[in-house]
Amino acid sequence: MITLVLAASVLIGVSLGILGGGGSILTVPILVYLAGQDTKEAIATSLFVVGVTSLAGLVPHARAHRVRWRTGLVFGAVSMVGAYGGGRLAEYIPGSVLLIAFALMMLATAFAMLRTPRKAKAAGPARAELPVGQVVVEGLAVGAVTGLVGAGGGFLVVPALVLLGGLPMGIAVGTSLLVIAMKSFSGLAGHLSGVQIDWGLALTVTGAAVAGSLIGSRFAGRIPQDTLRKAFGWFVVVMGLFVLGRQLPHTLWANPLSWTGIALAVTAAAAWGAVRARRERAAAGGPRTGSPEPSAHA
């Protein structure tokens, strides 16, 4: 069984290194179903594994100049604030509702990533930092959702940086690892007071995951941006359908509050789409303003 755990742990690192996400969603099931840990211990252990693995994967991305340090540090700091508020709010919302809303948000995110035009990857200069105000707003929103559902850091950080921030996919992946590491260690500090961690298992899983992250980081620099974005999108689709499939049949009809989660997710997706559409119209209108076409027939 330990061999299977180690093999699966390598996949955790590969996912983080290539896609900048997937760590927490993969780690918790591995620790629960393969290593036999209880849920709370698995969540705390996963935060340590994902935090250390993200830092290890960050190094090759940083050497390749695929990290926006100011953006990542500000995003990570305000995300921790949002995560705290989301965690407090989660006490009053049924877990099944949170998971359904999370799965629907994952699917909406995946759809947006898969529909992004190819030209979007060149939307900004190669080394530009995002405006601080924009980073603060997006960081608070992503942190709040992360705090609510207890996972999904990379699945939300990467799309926020790509779709709303306009960063190239490879740079968004590298920057997201910095954010994930900050949020993971912050969350771990909150869990340590009430959970005992099996440090032997944690270090073993972390070692395998770190090896995977170094492999994944090397591949991330060689995969075309559009291919990387689509791979991320389809990976999120699979995970979203998995979570939704496990929760929806048991709670949709039994718990009326499930419809609240669905409504919140649909509203978030609609708002996301409206923001994107407005930015696309603004970007399309910019070049036409200075176009010489009106005078071409003069």
Foldseek 3Di string as FASTA:
>chain_A
DVVVLLVLLLVLQLCLQQQVFDQQVSQQCSCCVVVPDDNLQSLLLSLVLLLLLLVLLLVLCVVVVLEQVVLLVLLLVLLLVLLVVLLVVLVVPDLLLLLLLVLLLLLLLLVCLLPDDPCLLVVDDQHDDFDSVLSNVLSNVLSNSCNNNVGCQRSRQQSCCVQVVSHQNSSSSSSSSSSSNSNSVSVSVVSVVPDDHPVVSSVSSSVSSNVSNNVNNVVNVVDDRSVSSNVSSVVSNVSSCVSCVVRVVVDVVVPVCSVVSVVVSVVVSVVSVVSSVVVVVVVVVVVVVPDPVVVPVD
